[in-house]
Amino acid sequence: MDKELFGLRMKVEETEEELNELKKSVGEIPFAYEACQKAINQQKEIWERVLHFSKGTDSERQVYQKLEALEDKQRKFTRAFSMADEEIEKELADRKARYERAEQLFEKGRREVLDENNV
């Protein structure tokens, strides 16, 4: 029974480590999102400056297209981030449930060992 208990304890520690790694990764996501948004906004600022200097020229229409493409890119990025955020929340809940289940199994096994020793 001690081997089983040890195996359960290892499973608890393994699932706890996975859960903590996922939480750490989730904590880094807002910084990555902000960096991407900042890059897109910087590109838009550059194209808006180009637009200022291209007013009344043939390239004005092309600059508007670039700005529209950046807006579309930003919308798609935000939509993808939102979908990924939902998936991450589901995965986090799943891993938390696995951790709690492993902890419960360990406690059950520990109680069984204590009961066997007290008999």
Protein backbone atom coordinates (compact mmCIF):
# COMPACT_ATOMS: atom_id res chain seq x y z
CA MET A 1 0.00 0.00 0.00
CA ASP A 2 2.92 2.34 0.65
CA LYS A 3 3.93 2.12 -3.03
CA GLU A 4 0.39 3.00 -4.08
CA LEU A 5 0.35 5.92 -1.66
CA PHE A 6 3.72 7.09 -2.93
CA GLY A 7 2.44 6.83 -6.52
CA LEU A 8 -0.62 8.86 -5.61
CA ARG A 9 1.54 11.50 -3.93
CA MET A 10 3.71 11.72 -7.06
CA LYS A 11 0.57 12.14 -9.18
CA VAL A 12 -0.60 14.96 -6.91
CA GLU A 13 2.74 16.71 -7.20
CA GLU A 14 2.81 16.22 -10.96
CA THR A 15 -0.67 17.65 -11.48
CA GLU A 16 0.10 20.51 -9.10
CA GLU A 17 3.23 21.34 -11.11
CA GLU A 18 1.25 21.27 -14.37
CA LEU A 19 -1.39 23.53 -12.87
CA ASN A 20 1.23 26.00 -11.63
CA GLU A 21 2.99 26.06 -15.01
CA LEU A 22 -0.28 26.80 -16.75
CA LYS A 23 -1.10 29.56 -14.27
CA LYS A 24 2.33 31.10 -14.90
CA SER A 25 1.78 30.97 -18.66
CA VAL A 26 -1.67 32.49 -18.30
CA GLY A 27 -0.14 35.34 -16.31
CA GLU A 28 2.19 36.16 -19.21
CA ILE A 29 -0.57 36.35 -21.82
CA PRO A 30 -1.71 39.92 -21.10
CA PHE A 31 1.85 41.17 -21.63
CA ALA A 32 2.07 39.40 -24.99
CA TYR A 33 -1.34 40.75 -25.98
CA GLU A 34 -0.33 44.29 -25.06
CA ALA A 35 2.93 43.98 -27.00
CA CYS A 36 1.07 42.87 -30.13
CA GLN A 37 -1.51 45.63 -29.77
CA LYS A 38 1.30 48.16 -29.31
CA ALA A 39 3.05 46.94 -32.46
CA ILE A 40 -0.14 47.21 -34.49
CA ASN A 41 -0.83 50.69 -33.12
CA GLN A 42 2.71 51.79 -33.97
CA GLN A 43 2.23 50.55 -37.52
CA LYS A 44 -1.05 52.46 -37.73
CA GLU A 45 0.66 55.64 -36.50
CA ILE A 46 3.31 55.32 -39.19
CA TRP A 47 0.73 54.80 -41.92
CA GLU A 48 -1.31 57.76 -40.60
CA ARG A 49 1.80 59.95 -40.94
CA VAL A 50 2.31 58.63 -44.46
CA LEU A 51 -1.35 59.40 -45.14
CA HIS A 52 -0.81 62.99 -44.01
CA PHE A 53 1.96 63.41 -46.56
CA SER A 54 0.14 61.55 -49.31
CA LYS A 55 -3.04 63.65 -49.26
CA GLY A 56 -4.07 64.51 -52.79
CA THR A 57 -1.67 62.04 -54.38
CA ASP A 58 -2.22 58.74 -56.15
CA SER A 59 -0.87 56.79 -53.19
CA GLU A 60 -3.47 58.16 -50.76
CA ARG A 61 -5.87 55.33 -51.62
CA GLN A 62 -3.15 52.73 -51.00
CA VAL A 63 -2.41 54.19 -47.59
CA TYR A 64 -6.11 54.00 -46.69
CA GLN A 65 -6.05 50.34 -47.74
CA LYS A 66 -3.04 49.70 -45.50
CA LEU A 67 -4.82 51.36 -42.57
CA GLU A 68 -7.97 49.32 -43.20
CA ALA A 69 -5.87 46.14 -43.39
CA LEU A 70 -4.29 46.99 -40.02
CA GLU A 71 -7.73 47.58 -38.49
CA ASP A 72 -8.86 44.22 -39.84
CA LYS A 73 -5.71 42.57 -38.50
CA GLN A 74 -6.35 44.09 -35.09
CA ARG A 75 -9.97 42.85 -35.05
CA LYS A 76 -8.89 39.33 -36.05
CA PHE A 77 -6.16 39.36 -33.44
CA THR A 78 -8.57 40.46 -30.72
CA ARG A 79 -11.10 37.81 -31.77
CA ALA A 80 -8.41 35.09 -31.80
CA PHE A 81 -7.14 36.22 -28.41
CA SER A 82 -10.65 36.10 -26.99
CA MET A 83 -11.20 32.56 -28.29
CA ALA A 84 -7.81 31.44 -26.97
CA ASP A 85 -8.58 33.00 -23.61
CA GLU A 86 -11.76 30.92 -23.37
CA GLU A 87 -9.83 27.75 -24.26
CA ILE A 88 -7.17 28.53 -21.66
CA GLU A 89 -9.82 29.04 -18.99
CA LYS A 90 -11.30 25.64 -19.85
CA GLU A 91 -7.87 24.00 -19.71
CA LEU A 92 -7.13 25.69 -16.40
CA ALA A 93 -10.41 24.41 -14.96
CA ASP A 94 -9.67 20.90 -16.26
CA ARG A 95 -6.21 20.84 -14.75
CA LYS A 96 -7.49 22.20 -11.47
CA ALA A 97 -10.12 19.44 -11.39
CA ARG A 98 -7.44 16.81 -12.12
CA TYR A 99 -5.32 18.21 -9.31
CA GLU A 100 -8.21 18.17 -6.86
CA ARG A 101 -9.11 14.60 -7.90
CA ALA A 102 -5.51 13.46 -7.42
CA GLU A 103 -5.44 15.13 -4.01
CA GLN A 104 -8.68 13.38 -3.03
CA LEU A 105 -7.33 10.00 -4.15
CA PHE A 106 -4.18 10.56 -2.16
CA GLU A 107 -6.12 11.50 0.96
CA LYS A 108 -8.36 8.45 0.53
CA GLY A 109 -5.31 6.21 0.20
CA ARG A 110 -3.66 7.83 3.20
CA ARG A 111 -6.77 7.25 5.33
CA GLU A 112 -6.88 3.63 4.20
CA VAL A 113 -3.25 3.15 5.25
CA LEU A 114 -3.95 4.76 8.61
CA ASP A 115 -7.02 2.54 9.08
CA GLU A 116 -4.97 -0.57 8.25
CA ASN A 117 -2.31 0.45 10.74
CA ASN A 118 -4.88 1.10 13.48
CA VAL A 119 -6.59 -2.28 13.04
